[in-house]
Each structure stands twice: as C-alpha cells, then as structure tokens.
PDB file of all heavy atoms in Angstrom:
ATOM      1  N   VAL A   1       0.852  -1.184   0.000  1.00  0.00           N
ATOM      2  CA  VAL A   1       0.000   0.000   0.000  1.00  0.00           C
ATOM      3  C   VAL A   1       0.891   1.238   0.000  1.00  0.00           C
ATOM      4  O   VAL A   1       1.988   1.239   0.574  1.00  0.00           O
ATOM      5  CB  VAL A   1      -0.937   0.000   1.231  1.00  0.00           C
ATOM      6  CG1 VAL A   1      -0.147   0.050   2.535  1.00  0.00           C
ATOM      7  CG2 VAL A   1      -1.939   1.134   1.165  1.00  0.00           C
ATOM      8  N   THR A   2       0.417   2.290  -0.642  1.00  0.00           N
ATOM      9  CA  THR A   2       1.136   3.559  -0.642  1.00  0.00           C
ATOM     10  C   THR A   2       0.970   4.233   0.715  1.00  0.00           C
ATOM     11  O   THR A   2      -0.156   4.368   1.209  1.00  0.00           O
ATOM     12  CB  THR A   2       0.619   4.492  -1.750  1.00  0.00           C
ATOM     13  OG1 THR A   2       0.821   3.872  -3.012  1.00  0.00           O
ATOM     14  CG2 THR A   2       1.351   5.822  -1.726  1.00  0.00           C
ATOM     15  N   VAL A   3       2.094   4.638   1.302  1.00  0.00           N
ATOM     16  CA  VAL A   3       2.084   5.308   2.608  1.00  0.00           C
ATOM     17  C   VAL A   3       2.565   6.745   2.408  1.00  0.00           C
ATOM     18  O   VAL A   3       3.634   6.972   1.843  1.00  0.00           O
ATOM     19  CB  VAL A   3       3.000   4.585   3.616  1.00  0.00           C
ATOM     20  CG1 VAL A   3       2.993   5.304   4.962  1.00  0.00           C
ATOM     21  CG2 VAL A   3       2.559   3.132   3.783  1.00  0.00           C
ATOM     22  N   THR A   4       1.751   7.708   2.854  1.00  0.00           N
ATOM     23  CA  THR A   4       2.089   9.123   2.727  1.00  0.00           C
ATOM     24  C   THR A   4       2.313   9.716   4.102  1.00  0.00           C
ATOM     25  O   THR A   4       1.444   9.622   4.982  1.00  0.00           O
ATOM     26  CB  THR A   4       0.968   9.899   2.010  1.00  0.00           C
ATOM     27  OG1 THR A   4       0.709   9.292   0.734  1.00  0.00           O
ATOM     28  CG2 THR A   4       1.363  11.350   1.808  1.00  0.00           C
ATOM     29  N   PHE A   5       3.469  10.341   4.293  1.00  0.00           N
ATOM     30  CA  PHE A   5       3.805  10.953   5.581  1.00  0.00           C
ATOM     31  C   PHE A   5       3.369  12.416   5.612  1.00  0.00           C
ATOM     32  O   PHE A   5       3.019  13.005   4.576  1.00  0.00           O
ATOM     33  CB  PHE A   5       5.304  10.820   5.837  1.00  0.00           C
ATOM     34  CG  PHE A   5       5.751   9.403   6.024  1.00  0.00           C
ATOM     35  CD1 PHE A   5       6.166   8.638   4.935  1.00  0.00           C
ATOM     36  CD2 PHE A   5       5.716   8.807   7.273  1.00  0.00           C
ATOM     37  CE1 PHE A   5       6.553   7.323   5.099  1.00  0.00           C
ATOM     38  CE2 PHE A   5       6.095   7.489   7.451  1.00  0.00           C
ATOM     39  CZ  PHE A   5       6.516   6.735   6.361  1.00  0.00           C
ATOM     40  N   ALA A   6       3.389  12.984   6.807  1.00  0.00           N
ATOM     41  CA  ALA A   6       2.905  14.349   6.993  1.00  0.00           C
ATOM     42  C   ALA A   6       3.671  15.361   6.159  1.00  0.00           C
ATOM     43  O   ALA A   6       3.122  16.393   5.763  1.00  0.00           O
ATOM     44  CB  ALA A   6       2.969  14.727   8.476  1.00  0.00           C
ATOM     45  N   ASP A   7       4.943  15.081   5.882  1.00  0.00           N
ATOM     46  CA  ASP A   7       5.748  16.025   5.093  1.00  0.00           C
ATOM     47  C   ASP A   7       5.585  15.814   3.591  1.00  0.00           C
ATOM     48  O   ASP A   7       6.268  16.469   2.789  1.00  0.00           O
ATOM     49  CB  ASP A   7       7.226  15.916   5.468  1.00  0.00           C
ATOM     50  CG  ASP A   7       7.806  14.519   5.221  1.00  0.00           C
ATOM     51  OD1 ASP A   7       7.083  13.656   4.671  1.00  0.00           O
ATOM     52  OD2 ASP A   7       8.974  14.289   5.569  1.00  0.00           O
ATOM     53  N   GLY A   8       4.683  14.907   3.199  1.00  0.00           N
ATOM     54  CA  GLY A   8       4.418  14.663   1.797  1.00  0.00           C
ATOM     55  C   GLY A   8       5.203  13.509   1.195  1.00  0.00           C
ATOM     56  O   GLY A   8       4.934  13.092   0.063  1.00  0.00           O
ATOM     57  N   ARG A   9       6.182  12.993   1.929  1.00  0.00           N
ATOM     58  CA  ARG A   9       6.961  11.873   1.401  1.00  0.00           C
ATOM     59  C   ARG A   9       6.072  10.650   1.222  1.00  0.00           C
ATOM     60  O   ARG A   9       5.260  10.336   2.083  1.00  0.00           O
ATOM     61  CB  ARG A   9       8.116  11.535   2.344  1.00  0.00           C
ATOM     62  CG  ARG A   9       8.967  10.338   1.881  1.00  0.00           C
ATOM     63  CD  ARG A   9      10.196  10.154   2.770  1.00  0.00           C
ATOM     64  NE  ARG A   9       9.863   9.666   4.090  1.00  0.00           N
ATOM     65  CZ  ARG A   9       9.859   8.365   4.420  1.00  0.00           C
ATOM     66  NH1 ARG A   9      10.114   7.447   3.504  1.00  0.00           N
ATOM     67  NH2 ARG A   9       9.574   8.002   5.664  1.00  0.00           N
ATOM     68  N   GLN A  10       6.240   9.956   0.109  1.00  0.00           N
ATOM     69  CA  GLN A  10       5.482   8.743  -0.161  1.00  0.00           C
ATOM     70  C   GLN A  10       6.426   7.572  -0.338  1.00  0.00           C
ATOM     71  O   GLN A  10       7.507   7.704  -0.916  1.00  0.00           O
ATOM     72  CB  GLN A  10       4.616   8.891  -1.408  1.00  0.00           C
ATOM     73  CG  GLN A  10       3.421   9.808  -1.238  1.00  0.00           C
ATOM     74  CD  GLN A  10       2.465   9.733  -2.421  1.00  0.00           C
ATOM     75  OE1 GLN A  10       2.865   9.392  -3.531  1.00  0.00           O
ATOM     76  NE2 GLN A  10       1.202  10.057  -2.182  1.00  0.00           N
ATOM     77  N   THR A  11       6.014   6.428   0.171  1.00  0.00           N
ATOM     78  CA  THR A  11       6.769   5.205  -0.006  1.00  0.00           C
ATOM     79  C   THR A  11       5.792   4.040  -0.009  1.00  0.00           C
ATOM     80  O   THR A  11       4.590   4.211   0.213  1.00  0.00           O
ATOM     81  CB  THR A  11       7.824   5.028   1.104  1.00  0.00           C
ATOM     82  OG1 THR A  11       8.660   3.908   0.796  1.00  0.00           O
ATOM     83  CG2 THR A  11       7.172   4.813   2.462  1.00  0.00           C
ATOM     84  N   SER A  12       6.295   2.848  -0.250  1.00  0.00           N
ATOM     85  CA  SER A  12       5.451   1.664  -0.281  1.00  0.00           C
ATOM     86  C   SER A  12       5.593   0.898   1.029  1.00  0.00           C
ATOM     87  O   SER A  12       6.703   0.699   1.522  1.00  0.00           O
ATOM     88  CB  SER A  12       5.844   0.764  -1.457  1.00  0.00           C
ATOM     89  OG  SER A  12       5.032  -0.395  -1.496  1.00  0.00           O
ATOM     90  N   GLY A  13       4.472   0.512   1.603  1.00  0.00           N
ATOM     91  CA  GLY A  13       4.466  -0.301   2.810  1.00  0.00           C
ATOM     92  C   GLY A  13       4.019  -1.718   2.504  1.00  0.00           C
ATOM     93  O   GLY A  13       3.154  -1.927   1.638  1.00  0.00           O
ATOM     94  N   ARG A  14       4.602  -2.677   3.190  1.00  0.00           N
ATOM     95  CA  ARG A  14       4.258  -4.088   2.988  1.00  0.00           C
ATOM     96  C   ARG A  14       3.558  -4.621   4.232  1.00  0.00           C
ATOM     97  O   ARG A  14       3.955  -4.306   5.354  1.00  0.00           O
ATOM     98  CB  ARG A  14       5.525  -4.900   2.729  1.00  0.00           C
ATOM     99  CG  ARG A  14       5.279  -6.377   2.444  1.00  0.00           C
ATOM    100  CD  ARG A  14       6.584  -7.139   2.310  1.00  0.00           C
ATOM    101  NE  ARG A  14       7.349  -7.102   3.554  1.00  0.00           N
ATOM    102  CZ  ARG A  14       7.125  -7.939   4.576  1.00  0.00           C
ATOM    103  NH1 ARG A  14       6.166  -8.849   4.502  1.00  0.00           N
ATOM    104  NH2 ARG A  14       7.859  -7.857   5.663  1.00  0.00           N
ATOM    105  N   VAL A  15       2.525  -5.423   4.032  1.00  0.00           N
ATOM    106  CA  VAL A  15       1.790  -5.992   5.161  1.00  0.00           C
ATOM    107  C   VAL A  15       2.653  -7.039   5.850  1.00  0.00           C
ATOM    108  O   VAL A  15       2.989  -8.070   5.259  1.00  0.00           O
ATOM    109  CB  VAL A  15       0.463  -6.622   4.694  1.00  0.00           C
ATOM    110  CG1 VAL A  15      -0.253  -7.272   5.887  1.00  0.00           C
ATOM    111  CG2 VAL A  15      -0.438  -5.579   4.049  1.00  0.00           C
ATOM    112  N   ALA A  16       3.012  -6.774   7.112  1.00  0.00           N
ATOM    113  CA  ALA A  16       3.770  -7.748   7.897  1.00  0.00           C
ATOM    114  C   ALA A  16       2.836  -8.782   8.500  1.00  0.00           C
ATOM    115  O   ALA A  16       3.179  -9.957   8.624  1.00  0.00           O
ATOM    116  CB  ALA A  16       4.556  -7.034   8.999  1.00  0.00           C
ATOM    117  N   GLY A  17       1.659  -8.338   8.902  1.00  0.00           N
ATOM    118  CA  GLY A  17       0.678  -9.240   9.489  1.00  0.00           C
ATOM    119  C   GLY A  17      -0.659  -8.542   9.610  1.00  0.00           C
ATOM    120  O   GLY A  17      -0.723  -7.325   9.793  1.00  0.00           O
ATOM    121  N   SER A  18      -1.743  -9.304   9.468  1.00  0.00           N
ATOM    122  CA  SER A  18      -3.088  -8.732   9.521  1.00  0.00           C
ATOM    123  C   SER A  18      -4.017  -9.669  10.288  1.00  0.00           C
ATOM    124  O   SER A  18      -3.948 -10.885  10.129  1.00  0.00           O
ATOM    125  CB  SER A  18      -3.619  -8.514   8.100  1.00  0.00           C
ATOM    126  OG  SER A  18      -4.922  -7.963   8.124  1.00  0.00           O
ATOM    127  N   ASP A  19      -4.855  -9.091  11.126  1.00  0.00           N
ATOM    128  CA  ASP A  19      -5.851  -9.837  11.883  1.00  0.00           C
ATOM    129  C   ASP A  19      -7.222  -9.252  11.556  1.00  0.00           C
ATOM    130  O   ASP A  19      -7.637  -8.250  12.140  1.00  0.00           O
ATOM    131  CB  ASP A  19      -5.561  -9.739  13.380  1.00  0.00           C
ATOM    132  CG  ASP A  19      -6.495 -10.594  14.223  1.00  0.00           C
ATOM    133  OD1 ASP A  19      -7.531 -11.044  13.700  1.00  0.00           O
ATOM    134  OD2 ASP A  19      -6.198 -10.815  15.418  1.00  0.00           O
ATOM    135  N   GLY A  20      -7.899  -9.871  10.587  1.00  0.00           N
ATOM    136  CA  GLY A  20      -9.193  -9.364  10.158  1.00  0.00           C
ATOM    137  C   GLY A  20     -10.269  -9.477  11.208  1.00  0.00           C
ATOM    138  O   GLY A  20     -11.241  -8.718  11.181  1.00  0.00           O
ATOM    139  N   ASP A  21     -10.129 -10.418  12.135  1.00  0.00           N
ATOM    140  CA  ASP A  21     -11.146 -10.573  13.173  1.00  0.00           C
ATOM    141  C   ASP A  21     -11.073  -9.441  14.193  1.00  0.00           C
ATOM    142  O   ASP A  21     -12.092  -8.989  14.702  1.00  0.00           O
ATOM    143  CB  ASP A  21     -10.974 -11.920  13.880  1.00  0.00           C
ATOM    144  CG  ASP A  21     -11.326 -13.086  12.973  1.00  0.00           C
ATOM    145  OD1 ASP A  21     -12.266 -12.936  12.170  1.00  0.00           O
ATOM    146  OD2 ASP A  21     -10.673 -14.133  13.058  1.00  0.00           O
ATOM    147  N   LEU A  22      -9.880  -8.980  14.504  1.00  0.00           N
ATOM    148  CA  LEU A  22      -9.716  -7.858  15.428  1.00  0.00           C
ATOM    149  C   LEU A  22      -9.644  -6.527  14.689  1.00  0.00           C
ATOM    150  O   LEU A  22      -9.705  -5.466  15.304  1.00  0.00           O
ATOM    151  CB  LEU A  22      -8.448  -8.056  16.261  1.00  0.00           C
ATOM    152  CG  LEU A  22      -8.201  -7.104  17.433  1.00  0.00           C
ATOM    153  CD1 LEU A  22      -9.386  -7.088  18.392  1.00  0.00           C
ATOM    154  CD2 LEU A  22      -6.925  -7.472  18.170  1.00  0.00           C
ATOM    155  N   ASP A  23      -9.539  -6.579  13.368  1.00  0.00           N
ATOM    156  CA  ASP A  23      -9.461  -5.398  12.504  1.00  0.00           C
ATOM    157  C   ASP A  23      -8.211  -4.565  12.753  1.00  0.00           C
ATOM    158  O   ASP A  23      -8.279  -3.336  12.816  1.00  0.00           O
ATOM    159  CB  ASP A  23     -10.711  -4.528  12.642  1.00  0.00           C
ATOM    160  CG  ASP A  23     -10.881  -3.567  11.459  1.00  0.00           C
ATOM    161  OD1 ASP A  23     -10.208  -3.777  10.433  1.00  0.00           O
ATOM    162  OD2 ASP A  23     -11.665  -2.613  11.575  1.00  0.00           O
ATOM    163  N   ILE A  24      -7.067  -5.223  12.886  1.00  0.00           N
ATOM    164  CA  ILE A  24      -5.800  -4.507  12.972  1.00  0.00           C
ATOM    165  C   ILE A  24      -4.803  -5.121  11.997  1.00  0.00           C
ATOM    166  O   ILE A  24      -4.915  -6.292  11.636  1.00  0.00           O
ATOM    167  CB  ILE A  24      -5.194  -4.517  14.390  1.00  0.00           C
ATOM    168  CG1 ILE A  24      -4.929  -5.948  14.862  1.00  0.00           C
ATOM    169  CG2 ILE A  24      -6.071  -3.754  15.361  1.00  0.00           C
ATOM    170  CD1 ILE A  24      -4.116  -6.019  16.131  1.00  0.00           C
ATOM    171  N   ALA A  25      -3.845  -4.319  11.566  1.00  0.00           N
ATOM    172  CA  ALA A  25      -2.799  -4.792  10.670  1.00  0.00           C
ATOM    173  C   ALA A  25      -1.536  -3.996  10.941  1.00  0.00           C
ATOM    174  O   ALA A  25      -1.588  -2.844  11.386  1.00  0.00           O
ATOM    175  CB  ALA A  25      -3.223  -4.647   9.213  1.00  0.00           C
ATOM    176  N   VAL A  26      -0.406  -4.615  10.671  1.00  0.00           N
ATOM    177  CA  VAL A  26       0.893  -3.983  10.848  1.00  0.00           C
ATOM    178  C   VAL A  26       1.609  -3.934   9.510  1.00  0.00           C
ATOM    179  O   VAL A  26       1.641  -4.932   8.779  1.00  0.00           O
ATOM    180  CB  VAL A  26       1.747  -4.746  11.885  1.00  0.00           C
ATOM    181  CG1 VAL A  26       3.138  -4.129  12.000  1.00  0.00           C
ATOM    182  CG2 VAL A  26       1.058  -4.746  13.245  1.00  0.00           C
TER     183      VAL A  26
END
C-alpha cells in the first residue's frame, strides 16, 4: 500500500501481518 507521511513523502508499505477478526494490521 502507498504510505504518505505528513511532510508529503510517499513510499510503499508491505503488510507484515493482519488480523481481520480484530481489525488490525501492521
């Protein structure tokens, strides 16, 4: 997913882990 920081910098983030039942992801 594209990650945009407050200063406008953009980079790509990769899903390390996701828990759809608790609705959180890292």
